[in-house]
Amino acid sequence: MAEKQRLLLLPGLLCDADVWEPVIAALDGAVACRVPDYRNATSIGAMAERVLRGAPARFALAGHSMGGRVALEIARRAPERVARLALLDTGYQARAIGAGGEEEARQRQRLVDLARRQGLRAMGEEWLLGMVHPDRITDRALMDRLLAMIERQKFEDYQGQIRALLERPDASPVLGRIGCPTLIACGRQDVWSPPARHEQMAALISGCRIEVFEECGHMSTLERPDAVAASLRRWLE
């Protein structure tokens, strides 16, 4: 890279800057990274506007999980400002109409109720079982880091983020209009946002690169930070 690029890294549900910290460390100063904070916003649109208000005129943008949906909303609202786009372990469709969408709402509300009764850490201990590679569930360093991050958040912010996800906009029309260099990537064992969904997204974006992180679940930035950083380096170059 001829000069240091400006890269905004967007965190997902119940995450803060720590979810990107190992990736930033692995990039080793090659990129000017910043992690915006929009944890108390209650819609994907409000999150996108928060990022845009604090962003430079033009920037590279990478979003993980819910952060990927925020990145797509930014691409919808200000495509001329997005020089490059990376979407990790995420999705693009609105909540399904009918039984599927109702079941998603029930499951998310069940976890909200658990967090209200027993606290965010207790909720996180159940939620994370489906968020990381099965072999990493016994990795105490990883799990304790994730649980500590979840426990740092406010319950009210978690409620707002769940509302934002349940009311998320359909980003399908955005994908076909993306004209900047784009990376789609996810963990091979991401059961929440599986590779097949990312292949669907990539098929809708002209010239898109798609990569898969092996032996990795949904929390790719903490599970496989070196692989994520290497993928981002290739995308930025």
C-alpha atoms as a PDB file:
ATOM      1  CA  MET A   1       0.000   0.000   0.000  1.00  0.00           C
ATOM      2  CA  ALA A   2       1.449   3.334  -1.053  1.00  0.00           C
ATOM      3  CA  GLU A   3      -0.058   5.184   1.925  1.00  0.00           C
ATOM      4  CA  LYS A   4      -1.841   4.256   5.089  1.00  0.00           C
ATOM      5  CA  GLN A   5      -5.557   3.823   4.438  1.00  0.00           C
ATOM      6  CA  ARG A   6      -8.338   4.763   6.827  1.00  0.00           C
ATOM      7  CA  LEU A   7     -10.254   1.682   7.895  1.00  0.00           C
ATOM      8  CA  LEU A   8     -13.416   1.744   9.997  1.00  0.00           C
ATOM      9  CA  LEU A   9     -14.119  -1.534  11.798  1.00  0.00           C
ATOM     10  CA  LEU A  10     -17.729  -2.060  12.870  1.00  0.00           C
ATOM     11  CA  PRO A  11     -18.519  -4.408  15.789  1.00  0.00           C
ATOM     12  CA  GLY A  12     -21.556  -6.623  16.110  1.00  0.00           C
ATOM     13  CA  LEU A  13     -24.182  -7.440  18.721  1.00  0.00           C
ATOM     14  CA  LEU A  14     -22.937  -7.001  22.303  1.00  0.00           C
ATOM     15  CA  CYS A  15     -19.429  -6.266  21.041  1.00  0.00           C
ATOM     16  CA  ASP A  16     -17.109  -3.307  21.445  1.00  0.00           C
ATOM     17  CA  ALA A  17     -13.651  -2.392  20.147  1.00  0.00           C
ATOM     18  CA  ASP A  18     -12.122  -5.451  21.821  1.00  0.00           C
ATOM     19  CA  VAL A  19     -13.696  -7.737  19.208  1.00  0.00           C
ATOM     20  CA  TRP A  20     -11.389  -6.132  16.609  1.00  0.00           C
ATOM     21  CA  GLU A  21      -8.305  -5.645  18.810  1.00  0.00           C
ATOM     22  CA  PRO A  22      -6.417  -8.837  17.773  1.00  0.00           C
ATOM     23  CA  VAL A  23      -7.035  -8.069  14.089  1.00  0.00           C
ATOM     24  CA  ILE A  24      -5.757  -4.514  14.518  1.00  0.00           C
ATOM     25  CA  ALA A  25      -2.683  -5.881  16.272  1.00  0.00           C
ATOM     26  CA  ALA A  26      -2.095  -8.362  13.436  1.00  0.00           C
ATOM     27  CA  LEU A  27      -2.348  -5.567  10.861  1.00  0.00           C
ATOM     28  CA  ASP A  28       0.663  -4.106  12.691  1.00  0.00           C
ATOM     29  CA  GLY A  29       0.106  -0.452  11.891  1.00  0.00           C
ATOM     30  CA  ALA A  30      -0.299  -0.965   8.148  1.00  0.00           C
ATOM     31  CA  VAL A  31      -3.742   0.673   8.263  1.00  0.00           C
ATOM     32  CA  ALA A  32      -5.166   3.567  10.272  1.00  0.00           C
ATOM     33  CA  CYS A  33      -7.927   1.681  12.110  1.00  0.00           C
ATOM     34  CA  ARG A  34     -10.808   3.042  14.156  1.00  0.00           C
ATOM     35  CA  VAL A  35     -13.734   1.254  15.792  1.00  0.00           C
ATOM     36  CA  PRO A  36     -16.851   3.484  16.002  1.00  0.00           C
ATOM     37  CA  ASP A  37     -19.158   3.156  19.002  1.00  0.00           C
ATOM     38  CA  TYR A  38     -22.898   2.980  18.313  1.00  0.00           C
ATOM     39  CA  ARG A  39     -23.920   0.644  21.103  1.00  0.00           C
ATOM     40  CA  ASN A  40     -26.863   2.739  22.336  1.00  0.00           C
ATOM     41  CA  ALA A  41     -28.501   3.156  18.913  1.00  0.00           C
ATOM     42  CA  THR A  42     -31.783   1.290  18.413  1.00  0.00           C
ATOM     43  CA  SER A  43     -31.921   0.924  14.623  1.00  0.00           C
ATOM     44  CA  ILE A  44     -29.495  -0.060  11.874  1.00  0.00           C
ATOM     45  CA  GLY A  45     -30.110   3.333  10.262  1.00  0.00           C
ATOM     46  CA  ALA A  46     -29.229   5.205  13.460  1.00  0.00           C
ATOM     47  CA  MET A  47     -26.059   3.153  13.797  1.00  0.00           C
ATOM     48  CA  ALA A  48     -25.083   3.988  10.211  1.00  0.00           C
ATOM     49  CA  GLU A  49     -25.700   7.692  10.755  1.00  0.00           C
ATOM     50  CA  ARG A  50     -23.590   7.628  13.921  1.00  0.00           C
ATOM     51  CA  VAL A  51     -20.684   6.141  11.968  1.00  0.00           C
ATOM     52  CA  LEU A  52     -21.057   8.564   9.073  1.00  0.00           C
ATOM     53  CA  ARG A  53     -21.075  11.619  11.342  1.00  0.00           C
ATOM     54  CA  GLY A  54     -17.672  10.700  12.756  1.00  0.00           C
ATOM     55  CA  ALA A  55     -16.111   9.266   9.597  1.00  0.00           C
ATOM     56  CA  PRO A  56     -13.599  10.861   7.215  1.00  0.00           C
ATOM     57  CA  ALA A  57     -14.754  11.954   3.775  1.00  0.00           C
ATOM     58  CA  ARG A  58     -13.730   8.604   2.276  1.00  0.00           C
ATOM     59  CA  PHE A  59     -12.772   5.374   3.998  1.00  0.00           C
ATOM     60  CA  ALA A  60     -12.510   1.603   3.829  1.00  0.00           C
ATOM     61  CA  LEU A  61     -15.226  -0.148   5.819  1.00  0.00           C
ATOM     62  CA  ALA A  62     -15.339  -3.594   7.426  1.00  0.00           C
ATOM     63  CA  GLY A  63     -18.269  -4.862   9.461  1.00  0.00           C
ATOM     64  CA  HIS A  64     -18.574  -8.029  11.523  1.00  0.00           C
ATOM     65  CA  SER A  65     -21.959  -9.657  12.231  1.00  0.00           C
ATOM     66  CA  MET A  66     -24.449  -6.854  13.017  1.00  0.00           C
ATOM     67  CA  GLY A  67     -21.652  -4.490  12.004  1.00  0.00           C
ATOM     68  CA  GLY A  68     -21.882  -5.924   8.495  1.00  0.00           C
ATOM     69  CA  ARG A  69     -25.523  -4.879   8.327  1.00  0.00           C
ATOM     70  CA  VAL A  70     -24.517  -1.412   9.493  1.00  0.00           C
ATOM     71  CA  ALA A  71     -21.847  -1.349   6.779  1.00  0.00           C
ATOM     72  CA  LEU A  72     -24.439  -2.212   4.130  1.00  0.00           C
ATOM     73  CA  GLU A  73     -26.688   0.581   5.384  1.00  0.00           C
ATOM     74  CA  ILE A  74     -23.748   2.991   5.117  1.00  0.00           C
ATOM     75  CA  ALA A  75     -23.192   1.770   1.555  1.00  0.00           C
ATOM     76  CA  ARG A  76     -26.873   2.463   0.879  1.00  0.00           C
ATOM     77  CA  ARG A  77     -26.767   6.000   2.285  1.00  0.00           C
ATOM     78  CA  ALA A  78     -23.311   7.195   1.247  1.00  0.00           C
ATOM     79  CA  PRO A  79     -21.820   4.901  -1.418  1.00  0.00           C
ATOM     80  CA  GLU A  80     -19.513   7.646  -2.688  1.00  0.00           C
ATOM     81  CA  ARG A  81     -17.715   7.697   0.669  1.00  0.00           C
ATOM     82  CA  VAL A  82     -16.990   3.957   0.839  1.00  0.00           C
ATOM     83  CA  ALA A  83     -13.713   3.167  -0.939  1.00  0.00           C
ATOM     84  CA  ARG A  84     -13.715  -0.537  -0.020  1.00  0.00           C
ATOM     85  CA  LEU A  85     -16.204  -2.794   1.732  1.00  0.00           C
ATOM     86  CA  ALA A  86     -15.695  -5.988   3.751  1.00  0.00           C
ATOM     87  CA  LEU A  87     -18.579  -7.990   5.223  1.00  0.00           C
ATOM     88  CA  LEU A  88     -17.712 -10.682   7.765  1.00  0.00           C
ATOM     89  CA  ASP A  89     -20.007 -13.308   9.307  1.00  0.00           C
ATOM     90  CA  THR A  90     -23.129 -11.335   8.514  1.00  0.00           C
ATOM     91  CA  GLY A  91     -26.348 -11.278   6.507  1.00  0.00           C
ATOM     92  CA  TYR A  92     -28.339  -9.023   4.237  1.00  0.00           C
ATOM     93  CA  GLN A  93     -32.011  -9.982   4.339  1.00  0.00           C
ATOM     94  CA  ALA A  94     -34.756  -8.551   6.537  1.00  0.00           C
ATOM     95  CA  ARG A  95     -36.388 -10.737   9.151  1.00  0.00           C
ATOM     96  CA  ALA A  96     -38.547 -13.335   7.485  1.00  0.00           C
ATOM     97  CA  ILE A  97     -42.300 -12.857   7.278  1.00  0.00           C
ATOM     98  CA  GLY A  98     -44.340 -15.596   8.919  1.00  0.00           C
ATOM     99  CA  ALA A  99     -43.313 -18.499  11.129  1.00  0.00           C
ATOM    100  CA  GLY A 100     -39.576 -18.153  10.554  1.00  0.00           C
ATOM    101  CA  GLY A 101     -39.521 -14.511  11.545  1.00  0.00           C
ATOM    102  CA  GLU A 102     -41.744 -15.125  14.547  1.00  0.00           C
ATOM    103  CA  GLU A 103     -39.439 -17.893  15.750  1.00  0.00           C
ATOM    104  CA  GLU A 104     -36.418 -15.618  15.430  1.00  0.00           C
ATOM    105  CA  ALA A 105     -38.196 -12.973  17.514  1.00  0.00           C
ATOM    106  CA  ARG A 106     -39.118 -15.561  20.174  1.00  0.00           C
ATOM    107  CA  GLN A 107     -35.564 -16.859  20.444  1.00  0.00           C
ATOM    108  CA  ARG A 108     -34.070 -13.384  20.668  1.00  0.00           C
ATOM    109  CA  GLN A 109     -36.659 -12.341  23.273  1.00  0.00           C
ATOM    110  CA  ARG A 110     -35.916 -15.470  25.295  1.00  0.00           C
ATOM    111  CA  LEU A 111     -32.274 -14.408  25.569  1.00  0.00           C
ATOM    112  CA  VAL A 112     -33.282 -10.837  26.435  1.00  0.00           C
ATOM    113  CA  ASP A 113     -35.488 -12.193  29.229  1.00  0.00           C
ATOM    114  CA  LEU A 114     -32.620 -14.378  30.462  1.00  0.00           C
ATOM    115  CA  ALA A 115     -30.309 -11.365  30.524  1.00  0.00           C
ATOM    116  CA  ARG A 116     -32.921  -9.344  32.441  1.00  0.00           C
ATOM    117  CA  ARG A 117     -33.319 -12.071  35.060  1.00  0.00           C
ATOM    118  CA  GLN A 118     -29.759 -13.326  35.448  1.00  0.00           C
ATOM    119  CA  GLY A 119     -27.519 -10.727  33.835  1.00  0.00           C
ATOM    120  CA  LEU A 120     -25.688 -10.425  30.529  1.00  0.00           C
ATOM    121  CA  ARG A 121     -22.895 -12.808  31.469  1.00  0.00           C
ATOM    122  CA  ALA A 122     -25.355 -15.635  32.193  1.00  0.00           C
ATOM    123  CA  MET A 123     -27.097 -14.958  28.890  1.00  0.00           C
ATOM    124  CA  GLY A 124     -23.716 -14.882  27.132  1.00  0.00           C
ATOM    125  CA  GLU A 125     -22.756 -18.292  28.487  1.00  0.00           C
ATOM    126  CA  GLU A 126     -25.716 -19.785  26.622  1.00  0.00           C
ATOM    127  CA  TRP A 127     -25.585 -17.560  23.534  1.00  0.00           C
ATOM    128  CA  LEU A 128     -21.905 -18.168  22.849  1.00  0.00           C
ATOM    129  CA  LEU A 129     -22.384 -21.934  22.574  1.00  0.00           C
ATOM    130  CA  GLY A 130     -23.654 -21.342  19.045  1.00  0.00           C
ATOM    131  CA  MET A 131     -21.323 -18.455  18.237  1.00  0.00           C
ATOM    132  CA  VAL A 132     -17.879 -20.106  18.291  1.00  0.00           C
ATOM    133  CA  HIS A 133     -16.355 -23.228  16.785  1.00  0.00           C
ATOM    134  CA  PRO A 134     -17.321 -26.230  18.942  1.00  0.00           C
ATOM    135  CA  ASP A 135     -13.684 -26.938  19.740  1.00  0.00           C
ATOM    136  CA  ARG A 136     -13.233 -23.436  21.171  1.00  0.00           C
ATOM    137  CA  ILE A 137     -15.960 -23.715  23.810  1.00  0.00           C
ATOM    138  CA  THR A 138     -13.384 -25.152  26.224  1.00  0.00           C
ATOM    139  CA  ASP A 139     -10.842 -22.435  25.363  1.00  0.00           C
ATOM    140  CA  ARG A 140     -11.154 -20.466  28.595  1.00  0.00           C
ATOM    141  CA  ALA A 141      -9.021 -17.546  27.414  1.00  0.00           C
ATOM    142  CA  LEU A 142     -11.280 -16.993  24.396  1.00  0.00           C
ATOM    143  CA  MET A 143     -14.534 -17.600  26.242  1.00  0.00           C
ATOM    144  CA  ASP A 144     -13.591 -15.430  29.206  1.00  0.00           C
ATOM    145  CA  ARG A 145     -12.632 -12.608  26.848  1.00  0.00           C
ATOM    146  CA  LEU A 146     -15.958 -12.849  25.047  1.00  0.00           C
ATOM    147  CA  LEU A 147     -17.930 -13.059  28.290  1.00  0.00           C
ATOM    148  CA  ALA A 148     -16.071 -10.089  29.755  1.00  0.00           C
ATOM    149  CA  MET A 149     -16.915  -8.054  26.654  1.00  0.00           C
ATOM    150  CA  ILE A 150     -20.587  -9.033  26.883  1.00  0.00           C
ATOM    151  CA  GLU A 151     -20.668  -8.231  30.596  1.00  0.00           C
ATOM    152  CA  ARG A 152     -19.288  -4.721  29.927  1.00  0.00           C
ATOM    153  CA  GLN A 153     -22.351  -3.802  27.876  1.00  0.00           C
ATOM    154  CA  LYS A 154     -25.531  -2.260  29.241  1.00  0.00           C
ATOM    155  CA  PHE A 155     -28.731  -4.278  29.263  1.00  0.00           C
ATOM    156  CA  GLU A 156     -30.623  -1.325  27.742  1.00  0.00           C
ATOM    157  CA  ASP A 157     -28.175  -1.200  24.838  1.00  0.00           C
ATOM    158  CA  TYR A 158     -28.607  -4.945  24.281  1.00  0.00           C
ATOM    159  CA  GLN A 159     -32.386  -4.460  24.136  1.00  0.00           C
ATOM    160  CA  GLY A 160     -31.942  -1.680  21.591  1.00  0.00           C
ATOM    161  CA  GLN A 161     -29.633  -3.760  19.433  1.00  0.00           C
ATOM    162  CA  ILE A 162     -32.097  -6.653  19.427  1.00  0.00           C
ATOM    163  CA  ARG A 163     -34.814  -4.249  18.340  1.00  0.00           C
ATOM    164  CA  ALA A 164     -32.525  -3.004  15.547  1.00  0.00           C
ATOM    165  CA  LEU A 165     -31.887  -6.543  14.348  1.00  0.00           C
ATOM    166  CA  LEU A 166     -35.518  -7.569  14.421  1.00  0.00           C
ATOM    167  CA  GLU A 167     -36.434  -4.440  12.420  1.00  0.00           C
ATOM    168  CA  ARG A 168     -33.393  -4.633  10.131  1.00  0.00           C
ATOM    169  CA  PRO A 169     -33.860  -3.400   6.562  1.00  0.00           C
ATOM    170  CA  ASP A 170     -33.516  -5.637   3.547  1.00  0.00           C
ATOM    171  CA  ALA A 171     -30.112  -4.875   2.026  1.00  0.00           C
ATOM    172  CA  SER A 172     -30.660  -6.988  -1.107  1.00  0.00           C
ATOM    173  CA  PRO A 173     -30.993  -3.920  -3.386  1.00  0.00           C
ATOM    174  CA  VAL A 174     -27.747  -2.510  -2.003  1.00  0.00           C
ATOM    175  CA  LEU A 175     -25.636  -5.512  -3.019  1.00  0.00           C
ATOM    176  CA  GLY A 176     -26.199  -5.096  -6.728  1.00  0.00           C
ATOM    177  CA  ARG A 177     -25.200  -1.433  -6.596  1.00  0.00           C
ATOM    178  CA  ILE A 178     -21.872  -1.901  -4.814  1.00  0.00           C
ATOM    179  CA  GLY A 179     -19.065  -0.743  -7.111  1.00  0.00           C
ATOM    180  CA  CYS A 180     -16.034  -0.696  -4.803  1.00  0.00           C
ATOM    181  CA  PRO A 181     -13.629  -3.595  -4.085  1.00  0.00           C
ATOM    182  CA  THR A 182     -15.589  -5.908  -1.821  1.00  0.00           C
ATOM    183  CA  LEU A 183     -14.683  -8.841   0.415  1.00  0.00           C
ATOM    184  CA  ILE A 184     -17.193 -11.350   1.783  1.00  0.00           C
ATOM    185  CA  ALA A 185     -15.800 -13.714   4.427  1.00  0.00           C
ATOM    186  CA  CYS A 186     -16.915 -15.967   7.273  1.00  0.00           C
ATOM    187  CA  GLY A 187     -15.958 -18.917   9.436  1.00  0.00           C
ATOM    188  CA  ARG A 188     -16.398 -22.350   7.888  1.00  0.00           C
ATOM    189  CA  GLN A 189     -18.375 -23.468  10.960  1.00  0.00           C
ATOM    190  CA  ASP A 190     -20.398 -20.280  11.399  1.00  0.00           C
ATOM    191  CA  VAL A 191     -23.844 -21.760  11.997  1.00  0.00           C
ATOM    192  CA  TRP A 192     -25.491 -18.371  12.591  1.00  0.00           C
ATOM    193  CA  SER A 193     -24.292 -16.819   9.308  1.00  0.00           C
ATOM    194  CA  PRO A 194     -23.162 -19.844   7.273  1.00  0.00           C
ATOM    195  CA  PRO A 195     -20.929 -19.842   4.180  1.00  0.00           C
ATOM    196  CA  ALA A 196     -23.925 -20.523   1.920  1.00  0.00           C
ATOM    197  CA  ARG A 197     -25.431 -17.156   2.872  1.00  0.00           C
ATOM    198  CA  HIS A 198     -22.153 -15.413   2.089  1.00  0.00           C
ATOM    199  CA  GLU A 199     -22.012 -17.134  -1.287  1.00  0.00           C
ATOM    200  CA  GLN A 200     -25.474 -15.703  -2.020  1.00  0.00           C
ATOM    201  CA  MET A 201     -24.238 -12.238  -1.117  1.00  0.00           C
ATOM    202  CA  ALA A 202     -21.076 -12.561  -3.175  1.00  0.00           C
ATOM    203  CA  ALA A 203     -23.075 -13.657  -6.215  1.00  0.00           C
ATOM    204  CA  LEU A 204     -24.958 -10.353  -6.123  1.00  0.00           C
ATOM    205  CA  ILE A 205     -21.843  -8.138  -5.991  1.00  0.00           C
ATOM    206  CA  SER A 206     -19.846  -7.603  -9.163  1.00  0.00           C
ATOM    207  CA  GLY A 207     -16.198  -8.607  -8.837  1.00  0.00           C
ATOM    208  CA  CYS A 208     -16.560  -9.629  -5.199  1.00  0.00           C
ATOM    209  CA  ARG A 209     -13.906 -11.727  -3.437  1.00  0.00           C
ATOM    210  CA  ILE A 210     -15.134 -14.442  -1.050  1.00  0.00           C
ATOM    211  CA  GLU A 211     -12.999 -16.195   1.562  1.00  0.00           C
ATOM    212  CA  VAL A 212     -13.678 -18.750   4.295  1.00  0.00           C
ATOM    213  CA  PHE A 213     -11.770 -19.052   7.573  1.00  0.00           C
ATOM    214  CA  GLU A 214     -11.152 -22.692   8.397  1.00  0.00           C
ATOM    215  CA  GLU A 215     -11.891 -24.178  11.826  1.00  0.00           C
ATOM    216  CA  CYS A 216     -13.782 -21.018  12.765  1.00  0.00           C
ATOM    217  CA  GLY A 217     -17.244 -20.119  14.000  1.00  0.00           C
ATOM    218  CA  HIS A 218     -19.101 -16.811  14.006  1.00  0.00           C
ATOM    219  CA  MET A 219     -16.626 -14.835  16.123  1.00  0.00           C
ATOM    220  CA  SER A 220     -13.933 -14.889  13.467  1.00  0.00           C
ATOM    221  CA  THR A 221     -12.136 -11.717  14.541  1.00  0.00           C
ATOM    222  CA  LEU A 222     -11.334 -13.288  17.918  1.00  0.00           C
ATOM    223  CA  GLU A 223     -11.207 -16.945  16.868  1.00  0.00           C
ATOM    224  CA  ARG A 224      -8.919 -16.498  13.846  1.00  0.00           C
ATOM    225  CA  PRO A 225      -7.573 -12.925  13.967  1.00  0.00           C
ATOM    226  CA  ASP A 226      -4.450 -13.686  11.923  1.00  0.00           C
ATOM    227  CA  ALA A 227      -6.515 -15.202   9.110  1.00  0.00           C
ATOM    228  CA  VAL A 228      -8.923 -12.260   9.201  1.00  0.00           C
ATOM    229  CA  ALA A 229      -6.058  -9.759   9.136  1.00  0.00           C
ATOM    230  CA  ALA A 230      -4.411 -11.554   6.207  1.00  0.00           C
ATOM    231  CA  SER A 231      -7.704 -11.480   4.322  1.00  0.00           C
ATOM    232  CA  LEU A 232      -8.124  -7.765   5.014  1.00  0.00           C
ATOM    233  CA  ARG A 233      -4.575  -7.071   3.845  1.00  0.00           C
ATOM    234  CA  ARG A 234      -5.285  -8.756   0.500  1.00  0.00           C
ATOM    235  CA  TRP A 235      -8.520  -6.785   0.177  1.00  0.00           C
ATOM    236  CA  LEU A 236      -6.811  -3.483   0.951  1.00  0.00           C
ATOM    237  CA  GLU A 237      -4.015  -4.118  -1.522  1.00  0.00           C
END
